[in-house]
């Protein structure tokens, strides 16, 4: 009996390339000359990701499936996988100098980054709950280790342990939810689950409890209140490039799976589920923004603000219309770029030290005018000012909510977005309007990190492109939703 056909492998060719790149990086790490090893590993990683992205383009408009329908390559998965790989490439650009300065292992770091990306890709292309679970675990385990890569730093070890323990907790919820849904429907394939639920109704207690457990598990992954408490500690304790990677790629992967499961498999038409998600969206936006107001550390502020951004995306999930889900895709793309870019700026040493608090950013605009300009652009996009990707993303989500009659949800979302202006513009104010004293024994010179700057400039251009010419990405998002539905 033939279990695997070559045609089954076609939908997962990009995933295979990413995993083969990880194996290649291991070999390069063993045999490359030490003098050129760091650069060679970075270039090998980027080349593998670009190659995977090329093959990803060949899957556009193909709607292929494999392994008995458990994995699919549709426009939805293609678009999100582009986001993951783009964020991973940016992470490689901003990681090279950071890894060297913090005495981390280059080979291990890039391998874990690649395996984490492969897990996200399997999650997004999975049409079976078990495939989604396996992809989620590949991503999660790699991420736990990445968070703790600074082995000699107690804060990083603490963050990794918290992430591991709470991640295992959410995994238990997900597995139990999957088992209940399997018991109720006799399948873990999403199309078969929805067919069974449509035939027999969604009132089965096993379906209700199973759906609730899956919502809880996925809420942890995307840091929805009240399942968000791990986020500030993990984001502040992790290596800064890893923090950017988690906030951009990992969060986008969580939303992709959330949309895939609840649009393709589990119904949210019930008013009770809509009310629950409405409450979660409001709590997530409000708690994230209010807590961000109280922070003095820039990374913790960005961590809490990422929770608020998850709330904005949850607004679109509540609405559930095609235009709202297109907003999820566009906003995930925009936030992945602007969030990762903002964290990327914080990897640069300023007068010999990494900026941690707002006070450390005082005078940054004079000492590092170009980096300050890039940071300002990313901050403006996070606020949602016009001509940036963040503005178009919020406009798409709130417009869809208003058109569908979710007036109060829209008003609360806009008020929360206005609230975020205060703490985001604090960054700009400190960089340009506060005079900063250099740390004792340091000078005002800064190294030129050409490799990292290349990635950040590309990211800044992409953020502006999304804000000025959003139509192409919005059209791709709409096409992907049509394929999903």
Protein backbone atom coordinates (compact mmCIF):
# COMPACT_ATOMS: atom_id res chain seq x y z
CA UNK A 1 0.00 0.00 0.00
CA UNK A 2 1.37 3.41 -1.01
CA UNK A 3 1.13 5.79 1.91
CA UNK A 4 3.04 8.78 0.50
CA UNK A 5 2.91 9.90 -3.12
CA UNK A 6 5.24 12.48 -4.63
CA UNK A 7 2.23 14.70 -5.28
CA UNK A 8 1.65 14.80 -1.51
CA UNK A 9 4.97 16.61 -1.11
CA UNK A 10 4.20 19.43 -3.55
CA UNK A 11 2.08 21.52 -1.11
CA UNK A 12 4.84 21.40 1.51
CA UNK A 13 7.86 22.05 -0.73
CA UNK A 14 8.58 25.42 0.99
CA UNK A 15 8.47 23.72 4.40
CA UNK A 16 10.85 21.03 3.17
CA UNK A 17 13.26 23.67 1.85
CA UNK A 18 13.24 25.50 5.19
CA UNK A 19 14.00 22.26 7.06
CA UNK A 20 16.76 21.34 4.58
CA UNK A 21 18.22 24.81 5.11
CA UNK A 22 18.29 24.12 8.85
CA UNK A 23 20.25 20.91 8.19
CA UNK A 24 22.61 22.81 5.88
CA UNK A 25 23.21 25.44 8.55
CA UNK A 26 24.22 22.69 10.98
CA UNK A 27 26.80 21.41 8.49
CA UNK A 28 28.08 24.90 7.71
CA UNK A 29 28.46 25.54 11.44
CA UNK A 30 30.65 22.44 11.70
CA UNK A 31 32.91 22.98 8.70
CA UNK A 32 33.00 26.70 7.87
CA UNK A 33 36.19 28.59 8.85
CA UNK A 34 35.70 30.41 12.13
CA UNK A 35 36.63 33.78 10.64
CA UNK A 36 33.80 33.69 8.07
CA UNK A 37 31.37 31.47 9.98
CA UNK A 38 28.98 34.17 11.24
CA UNK A 39 28.51 35.76 7.82
CA UNK A 40 28.28 32.40 6.03
CA UNK A 41 25.61 31.12 8.41
CA UNK A 42 23.53 34.29 8.03
CA UNK A 43 23.77 34.24 4.23
CA UNK A 44 22.94 30.51 4.10
CA UNK A 45 19.85 31.08 6.24
CA UNK A 46 18.67 34.01 4.14
CA UNK A 47 19.32 32.13 0.89
CA UNK A 48 17.27 29.15 2.08
CA UNK A 49 14.38 31.38 3.12
CA UNK A 50 14.44 33.29 -0.18
CA UNK A 51 14.49 29.99 -2.09
CA UNK A 52 11.49 28.78 -0.08
CA UNK A 53 9.70 32.06 -0.84
CA UNK A 54 10.34 31.55 -4.55
CA UNK A 55 8.73 28.12 -4.47
CA UNK A 56 5.92 29.58 -2.38
CA UNK A 57 5.08 31.92 -5.26
CA UNK A 58 4.65 28.88 -7.51
CA UNK A 59 1.86 27.65 -5.22
CA UNK A 60 -0.19 30.84 -5.66
CA UNK A 61 -3.65 30.13 -7.13
CA UNK A 62 -2.98 26.38 -7.13
CA UNK A 63 -5.09 25.17 -4.14
CA UNK A 64 -3.18 21.91 -3.75
CA UNK A 65 -3.69 19.37 -0.99
CA UNK A 66 -1.74 16.35 0.17
CA UNK A 67 -1.57 13.55 2.69
CA UNK A 68 -5.27 12.73 2.34
CA UNK A 69 -6.36 16.32 2.71
CA UNK A 70 -4.54 17.01 5.97
CA UNK A 71 -2.34 19.75 4.46
CA UNK A 72 -3.22 22.34 1.87
CA UNK A 73 -1.40 25.02 -0.12
CA UNK A 74 -4.03 27.68 -0.73
CA UNK A 75 -3.65 31.44 -1.09
CA UNK A 76 -4.34 31.89 2.63
CA UNK A 77 -1.40 29.73 3.69
CA UNK A 78 0.85 31.13 0.93
CA UNK A 79 0.31 34.72 2.09
CA UNK A 80 0.87 34.00 5.78
CA UNK A 81 3.94 31.86 5.08
CA UNK A 82 5.39 34.81 3.19
CA UNK A 83 4.90 36.88 6.34
CA UNK A 84 6.74 34.33 8.52
CA UNK A 85 9.68 34.04 6.16
CA UNK A 86 9.92 37.81 5.67
CA UNK A 87 10.06 38.35 9.44
CA UNK A 88 12.63 35.56 9.75
CA UNK A 89 14.84 37.22 7.12
CA UNK A 90 14.62 40.56 8.96
CA UNK A 91 15.43 38.74 12.21
CA UNK A 92 18.58 37.30 10.64
CA UNK A 93 19.63 40.78 9.51
CA UNK A 94 19.30 42.30 12.99
CA UNK A 95 20.66 39.24 14.81
CA UNK A 96 24.19 38.94 13.46
CA UNK A 97 25.78 41.72 15.52
CA UNK A 98 23.56 40.97 18.53
CA UNK A 99 24.59 37.30 18.63
CA UNK A 100 28.27 38.21 18.45
CA UNK A 101 28.03 40.84 21.18
CA UNK A 102 26.14 38.51 23.52
CA UNK A 103 28.31 35.44 22.85
CA UNK A 104 25.45 33.29 21.57
CA UNK A 105 25.93 30.31 19.26
CA UNK A 106 25.28 31.33 15.65
CA UNK A 107 24.55 27.84 14.32
CA UNK A 108 22.07 26.85 17.02
CA UNK A 109 20.32 30.19 16.79
CA UNK A 110 19.68 30.04 13.04
CA UNK A 111 18.63 26.38 13.15
CA UNK A 112 16.06 27.10 15.86
CA UNK A 113 14.83 30.12 13.91
CA UNK A 114 14.32 27.98 10.81
CA UNK A 115 12.61 25.13 12.64
CA UNK A 116 10.30 27.62 14.33
CA UNK A 117 9.37 29.04 10.92
CA UNK A 118 8.74 25.53 9.58
CA UNK A 119 6.39 24.88 12.49
CA UNK A 120 4.44 28.06 11.70
CA UNK A 121 4.18 26.99 8.07
CA UNK A 122 2.83 23.54 8.98
CA UNK A 123 0.35 25.17 11.36
CA UNK A 124 -1.00 27.43 8.65
CA UNK A 125 -1.21 24.79 5.93
CA UNK A 126 -2.80 22.19 8.20
CA UNK A 127 -6.43 21.20 7.61
CA UNK A 128 -6.28 18.61 10.35
CA UNK A 129 -6.23 19.52 14.03
CA UNK A 130 -3.39 17.07 14.67
CA UNK A 131 -1.25 18.61 11.91
CA UNK A 132 -1.95 22.04 13.39
CA UNK A 133 -0.98 20.73 16.82
CA UNK A 134 2.30 19.23 15.55
CA UNK A 135 3.21 22.47 13.75
CA UNK A 136 2.33 24.45 16.87
CA UNK A 137 4.62 22.30 19.00
CA UNK A 138 7.52 22.55 16.53
CA UNK A 139 7.17 26.33 16.64
CA UNK A 140 6.73 26.45 20.40
CA UNK A 141 9.63 24.19 21.41
CA UNK A 142 12.00 26.07 19.10
CA UNK A 143 10.74 29.37 20.54
CA UNK A 144 11.24 28.24 24.14
CA UNK A 145 14.90 27.54 23.41
CA UNK A 146 15.37 30.77 21.45
CA UNK A 147 14.05 32.78 24.39
CA UNK A 148 16.69 31.21 26.65
CA UNK A 149 19.62 31.49 24.24
CA UNK A 150 21.44 33.95 26.53
CA UNK A 151 22.30 31.13 28.91
CA UNK A 152 24.33 33.24 31.34
CA UNK A 153 21.58 35.82 31.82
CA UNK A 154 19.16 34.98 34.64
CA UNK A 155 16.38 37.09 33.12
CA UNK A 156 16.50 35.08 29.88
CA UNK A 157 16.45 31.77 31.75
CA UNK A 158 13.47 32.91 33.79
CA UNK A 159 11.64 34.02 30.65
CA UNK A 160 12.29 30.70 28.92
CA UNK A 161 11.05 28.72 31.94
CA UNK A 162 7.86 30.79 32.22
CA UNK A 163 7.24 30.44 28.49
CA UNK A 164 7.78 26.68 28.67
CA UNK A 165 5.53 26.09 31.68
CA UNK A 166 2.66 28.26 30.47
CA UNK A 167 3.08 26.95 26.93
CA UNK A 168 2.76 23.38 28.19
CA UNK A 169 -0.34 24.44 30.10
CA UNK A 170 -1.97 25.78 26.91
CA UNK A 171 -0.91 22.66 25.02
CA UNK A 172 -2.89 20.57 27.49
CA UNK A 173 -5.99 22.66 26.83
CA UNK A 174 -5.54 22.29 23.07
CA UNK A 175 -5.06 18.52 23.19
CA UNK A 176 -8.04 18.04 25.47
CA UNK A 177 -10.16 20.23 23.19
CA UNK A 178 -9.08 18.24 20.13
CA UNK A 179 -9.89 14.95 21.86
CA UNK A 180 -13.39 16.17 22.79
CA UNK A 181 -14.05 17.37 19.26
CA UNK A 182 -12.86 14.04 17.90
CA UNK A 183 -15.18 12.25 20.30
CA UNK A 184 -18.11 14.41 19.19
CA UNK A 185 -17.52 14.31 15.43
CA UNK A 186 -15.36 11.23 14.81
CA UNK A 187 -12.72 13.21 12.91
CA UNK A 188 -9.89 15.70 13.32
CA UNK A 189 -10.17 16.98 9.73
CA UNK A 190 -11.68 20.47 9.77
CA UNK A 191 -13.99 19.98 6.72
CA UNK A 192 -15.36 16.76 8.23
CA UNK A 193 -15.84 18.41 11.62
CA UNK A 194 -17.89 21.26 10.14
CA UNK A 195 -19.95 18.81 8.06
CA UNK A 196 -20.75 16.77 11.17
CA UNK A 197 -21.64 19.88 13.18
CA UNK A 198 -23.90 21.20 10.41
CA UNK A 199 -25.69 17.87 10.28
CA UNK A 200 -26.15 17.33 14.02
CA UNK A 201 -25.99 20.87 15.38
CA UNK A 202 -23.46 22.72 17.53
CA UNK A 203 -25.28 22.13 20.82
CA UNK A 204 -23.47 18.89 21.62
CA UNK A 205 -21.79 19.46 25.03
CA UNK A 206 -18.58 17.86 23.73
CA UNK A 207 -18.49 20.33 20.83
CA UNK A 208 -19.16 23.29 23.13
CA UNK A 209 -16.49 22.34 25.68
CA UNK A 210 -14.01 21.30 22.98
CA UNK A 211 -14.47 24.63 21.17
CA UNK A 212 -14.00 26.54 24.44
CA UNK A 213 -10.75 24.68 25.19
CA UNK A 214 -9.39 25.38 21.69
CA UNK A 215 -10.26 29.09 22.10
CA UNK A 216 -8.39 29.17 25.43
CA UNK A 217 -5.32 27.46 23.95
CA UNK A 218 -5.15 29.76 20.93
CA UNK A 219 -5.82 32.82 23.12
CA UNK A 220 -2.64 31.98 25.02
CA UNK A 221 -0.62 31.81 21.80
CA UNK A 222 -1.79 35.23 20.62
CA UNK A 223 -1.68 36.81 24.11
CA UNK A 224 -5.37 37.56 24.52
CA UNK A 225 -6.42 38.82 27.97
CA UNK A 226 -6.66 37.09 30.46
CA UNK A 227 -4.16 34.62 28.94
CA UNK A 228 -1.50 37.27 28.39
CA UNK A 229 0.53 37.33 31.60
CA UNK A 230 3.50 35.51 30.08
CA UNK A 231 4.01 38.15 27.38
CA UNK A 232 5.78 41.06 29.17
CA UNK A 233 8.19 38.81 31.08
CA UNK A 234 9.04 36.67 28.05
CA UNK A 235 9.37 39.61 25.65
CA UNK A 236 11.56 41.62 28.03
CA UNK A 237 13.76 38.66 29.03
CA UNK A 238 14.29 37.16 25.57
CA UNK A 239 17.10 38.28 23.24
CA UNK A 240 15.74 41.37 21.50
CA UNK A 241 15.77 39.92 17.94
CA UNK A 242 13.84 36.91 19.27
CA UNK A 243 11.31 39.25 20.88
CA UNK A 244 10.73 40.89 17.50
CA UNK A 245 10.40 37.49 15.85
CA UNK A 246 7.84 36.31 18.42
CA UNK A 247 5.80 39.51 18.25
CA UNK A 248 5.75 39.47 14.45
CA UNK A 249 5.84 35.93 13.10
CA UNK A 250 4.60 33.83 16.03
CA UNK A 251 1.62 36.10 16.70
CA UNK A 252 0.70 36.14 13.00
CA UNK A 253 0.84 32.33 13.01
CA UNK A 254 -1.52 32.22 15.97
CA UNK A 255 -4.04 34.42 14.19
CA UNK A 256 -3.73 32.39 10.99
CA UNK A 257 -4.60 29.21 12.87
CA UNK A 258 -7.40 30.97 14.76
CA UNK A 259 -8.97 32.07 11.47
CA UNK A 260 -8.39 28.69 9.81
CA UNK A 261 -10.00 26.72 12.62
CA UNK A 262 -13.00 28.94 13.22
CA UNK A 263 -13.80 29.74 9.60
CA UNK A 264 -13.17 26.27 8.20
CA UNK A 265 -14.04 24.00 11.09
CA UNK A 266 -15.64 25.25 14.29
CA UNK A 267 -18.68 27.55 14.03
CA UNK A 268 -18.79 30.89 15.82
CA UNK A 269 -22.32 31.79 14.69
CA UNK A 270 -23.63 31.21 18.19
CA UNK A 271 -24.37 34.52 19.91
CA UNK A 272 -22.71 33.23 23.06
CA UNK A 273 -19.36 32.74 21.28
CA UNK A 274 -19.63 36.16 19.66
CA UNK A 275 -20.33 37.76 23.03
CA UNK A 276 -17.38 35.94 24.60
CA UNK A 277 -15.00 37.03 21.84
CA UNK A 278 -16.40 40.59 22.05
CA UNK A 279 -15.47 40.70 25.74
CA UNK A 280 -12.02 39.22 25.06
CA UNK A 281 -11.35 41.78 22.31
CA UNK A 282 -12.33 44.73 24.54
CA UNK A 283 -10.34 43.43 27.52
CA UNK A 284 -7.28 42.75 25.35
CA UNK A 285 -7.26 46.21 23.77
CA UNK A 286 -7.89 48.03 27.03
CA UNK A 287 -5.62 46.07 29.38
CA UNK A 288 -2.77 46.11 26.85
CA UNK A 289 -2.94 49.88 26.38
CA UNK A 290 -3.46 50.76 30.06
CA UNK A 291 -0.54 48.57 31.17
CA UNK A 292 1.68 49.99 28.42
CA UNK A 293 1.07 53.47 29.83
CA UNK A 294 2.71 52.45 33.12
CA UNK A 295 5.94 51.03 31.71
CA UNK A 296 9.38 52.63 31.94
CA UNK A 297 11.19 49.91 29.97
CA UNK A 298 10.79 50.22 26.21
CA UNK A 299 10.66 46.46 25.57
CA UNK A 300 7.97 45.95 28.21
CA UNK A 301 6.00 48.84 26.75
CA UNK A 302 6.18 47.25 23.30
CA UNK A 303 5.24 43.90 24.85
CA UNK A 304 2.06 45.29 26.40
CA UNK A 305 1.29 47.21 23.23
CA UNK A 306 1.53 43.94 21.28
CA UNK A 307 -1.28 42.66 23.52
CA UNK A 308 -3.36 45.69 22.53
CA UNK A 309 -2.67 44.99 18.85
CA UNK A 310 -3.92 41.45 19.39
CA UNK A 311 -7.13 43.05 20.64
CA UNK A 312 -7.50 45.04 17.42
CA UNK A 313 -7.19 41.85 15.39
CA UNK A 314 -9.70 40.13 17.68
CA UNK A 315 -12.19 42.84 16.65
CA UNK A 316 -11.96 41.51 13.10
CA UNK A 317 -12.35 37.93 14.33
CA UNK A 318 -15.55 38.93 16.17
CA UNK A 319 -16.95 40.57 13.02
CA UNK A 320 -16.00 37.56 10.90
CA UNK A 321 -16.93 39.09 7.52
CA UNK A 322 -14.64 38.61 4.49
CA UNK A 323 -13.53 42.26 4.64
CA UNK A 324 -12.76 41.92 8.36
CA UNK A 325 -10.71 38.77 7.85
CA UNK A 326 -8.88 40.52 5.00
CA UNK A 327 -8.07 43.13 7.65
CA UNK A 328 -6.65 40.38 9.88
CA UNK A 329 -4.28 39.35 7.10
CA UNK A 330 -3.24 42.90 6.19
CA UNK A 331 -2.82 43.98 9.81
CA UNK A 332 -0.81 40.84 10.61
CA UNK A 333 1.51 41.70 7.73
CA UNK A 334 1.83 45.35 8.74
CA UNK A 335 2.32 44.64 12.45
CA UNK A 336 4.87 41.91 11.74
CA UNK A 337 6.99 44.46 9.88
CA UNK A 338 6.60 47.50 12.15
CA UNK A 339 6.82 45.52 15.39
CA UNK A 340 9.88 43.55 14.32
CA UNK A 341 11.46 46.75 13.01
CA UNK A 342 10.92 48.59 16.31
CA UNK A 343 12.47 45.75 18.30
CA UNK A 344 15.27 45.59 15.72
CA UNK A 345 16.27 49.19 16.49
CA UNK A 346 16.69 48.20 20.15
CA UNK A 347 19.41 45.68 19.19
CA UNK A 348 21.86 48.52 18.41
CA UNK A 349 24.28 49.70 21.05
CA UNK A 350 24.03 53.39 21.87
CA UNK A 351 27.17 54.81 23.43
CA UNK A 352 28.25 51.29 24.34
CA UNK A 353 24.96 50.12 25.89
CA UNK A 354 21.67 48.69 24.68
CA UNK A 355 18.78 51.13 25.32
CA UNK A 356 16.40 49.67 27.91
CA UNK A 357 14.42 52.49 29.50
CA UNK A 358 12.92 55.66 28.08
CA UNK A 359 15.69 57.62 29.79
CA UNK A 360 18.24 55.64 27.76
CA UNK A 361 16.62 57.02 24.60
CA UNK A 362 17.12 60.64 25.70
CA UNK A 363 19.20 62.39 23.05
CA UNK A 364 19.07 59.35 20.75
CA UNK A 365 17.99 61.55 17.83
CA UNK A 366 21.25 63.52 18.03
CA UNK A 367 23.56 60.57 18.62
CA UNK A 368 21.95 58.25 16.03
CA UNK A 369 19.80 60.40 13.72
CA UNK A 370 19.21 57.71 11.09
CA UNK A 371 18.24 55.01 13.59
CA UNK A 372 15.98 57.51 15.36
CA UNK A 373 14.31 58.31 12.04
CA UNK A 374 13.63 54.63 11.38
CA UNK A 375 12.32 54.15 14.92
CA UNK A 376 10.02 57.15 14.46
CA UNK A 377 8.58 55.62 11.30
CA UNK A 378 7.91 52.30 13.04
CA UNK A 379 6.34 54.11 16.01
CA UNK A 380 4.10 56.20 13.72
CA UNK A 381 2.95 53.00 12.04
CA UNK A 382 2.23 51.35 15.40
CA UNK A 383 0.15 54.40 16.34
CA UNK A 384 -1.69 54.13 13.03
CA UNK A 385 -0.82 57.46 11.45
CA UNK A 386 -1.66 57.96 7.74
CA UNK A 387 0.78 56.86 5.02
CA UNK A 388 1.87 53.85 7.09
CA UNK A 389 0.82 50.21 7.01
CA UNK A 390 -0.56 50.43 10.54
CA UNK A 391 -3.08 53.09 9.50
CA UNK A 392 -4.45 51.03 6.61
CA UNK A 393 -4.67 47.92 8.80
CA UNK A 394 -6.67 49.66 11.53
CA UNK A 395 -8.84 51.41 8.94
CA UNK A 396 -9.66 48.07 7.31
CA UNK A 397 -10.59 46.40 10.61
CA UNK A 398 -12.63 49.24 12.11
CA UNK A 399 -14.40 49.97 8.80
CA UNK A 400 -15.44 46.33 8.53
CA UNK A 401 -16.70 46.36 12.11
CA UNK A 402 -18.69 49.56 11.52
CA UNK A 403 -20.23 48.26 8.30
CA UNK A 404 -21.40 45.12 10.10
CA UNK A 405 -23.06 47.10 12.87
CA UNK A 406 -20.49 46.60 15.66
CA UNK A 407 -20.66 50.28 16.62
CA UNK A 408 -19.64 50.06 20.29
CA UNK A 409 -16.81 47.66 19.51
CA UNK A 410 -15.55 50.11 16.86
CA UNK A 411 -15.79 53.07 19.25
CA UNK A 412 -13.88 51.20 21.98
CA UNK A 413 -11.23 50.19 19.45
CA UNK A 414 -10.75 53.76 18.21
CA UNK A 415 -10.56 55.11 21.77
CA UNK A 416 -7.93 52.52 22.64
CA UNK A 417 -5.97 53.40 19.52
CA UNK A 418 -6.08 57.06 20.59
CA UNK A 419 -4.88 56.07 24.07
CA UNK A 420 -1.83 54.38 22.56
CA UNK A 421 -0.68 57.69 21.08
CA UNK A 422 0.58 58.81 24.50
CA UNK A 423 2.99 55.99 25.24
CA UNK A 424 4.15 55.54 21.65
CA UNK A 425 4.97 59.21 21.18
CA UNK A 426 6.89 59.14 24.46
CA UNK A 427 9.54 57.24 22.51
CA UNK A 428 9.75 60.00 19.89
CA UNK A 429 9.66 62.72 22.53
CA UNK A 430 12.55 61.19 24.48
CA UNK A 431 14.64 60.67 21.33
CA UNK A 432 14.29 64.24 20.07
CA UNK A 433 13.22 66.47 22.96
CA UNK A 434 15.21 65.19 25.92
CA UNK A 435 18.90 65.77 26.45
CA UNK A 436 20.63 62.56 27.43
CA UNK A 437 23.86 62.14 29.35
CA UNK A 438 26.26 59.52 28.05
CA UNK A 439 27.11 56.66 30.40
CA UNK A 440 30.31 57.29 32.33
CA UNK A 441 33.36 56.10 30.45
CA UNK A 442 31.63 55.88 27.08
CA UNK A 443 31.70 58.07 24.02
CA UNK A 444 29.02 59.11 21.57
CA UNK A 445 30.34 57.01 18.70
CA UNK A 446 28.35 54.08 17.39
CA UNK A 447 29.42 51.14 15.31
CA UNK A 448 28.16 50.88 11.76
CA UNK A 449 26.01 47.78 11.50
CA UNK A 450 25.62 47.72 7.73
CA UNK A 451 24.15 44.21 7.62
CA UNK A 452 21.41 45.03 10.13
CA UNK A 453 20.71 48.45 8.64
CA UNK A 454 20.07 46.84 5.26
CA UNK A 455 17.26 44.77 6.73
CA UNK A 456 15.77 47.69 8.68
CA UNK A 457 15.80 50.00 5.67
CA UNK A 458 14.00 47.33 3.64
CA UNK A 459 11.45 46.98 6.45
CA UNK A 460 10.88 50.74 6.61
CA UNK A 461 10.30 50.85 2.85
CA UNK A 462 7.81 47.97 3.16
CA UNK A 463 5.91 49.77 5.96
CA UNK A 464 5.62 52.89 3.80
CA UNK A 465 4.65 50.83 0.76
CA UNK A 466 1.80 49.20 2.69
CA UNK A 467 0.61 52.65 3.74
CA UNK A 468 0.84 54.33 0.33
CA UNK A 469 0.05 51.43 -2.02
CA UNK A 470 -2.05 48.96 -0.01
CA UNK A 471 -4.31 47.81 -2.85
CA UNK A 472 -2.14 44.92 -4.02
CA UNK A 473 -1.84 43.35 -0.56
CA UNK A 474 -5.53 43.95 0.16
CA UNK A 475 -6.44 42.23 -3.10
CA UNK A 476 -4.20 39.27 -2.24
CA UNK A 477 -5.83 39.14 1.19
CA UNK A 478 -9.30 39.13 -0.37
CA UNK A 479 -8.30 36.34 -2.75
CA UNK A 480 -6.96 34.27 0.12
CA UNK A 481 -10.23 34.66 2.04
CA UNK A 482 -12.21 33.54 -1.02
CA UNK A 483 -10.02 30.44 -1.16
CA UNK A 484 -10.55 29.84 2.55
CA UNK A 485 -14.33 30.15 2.41
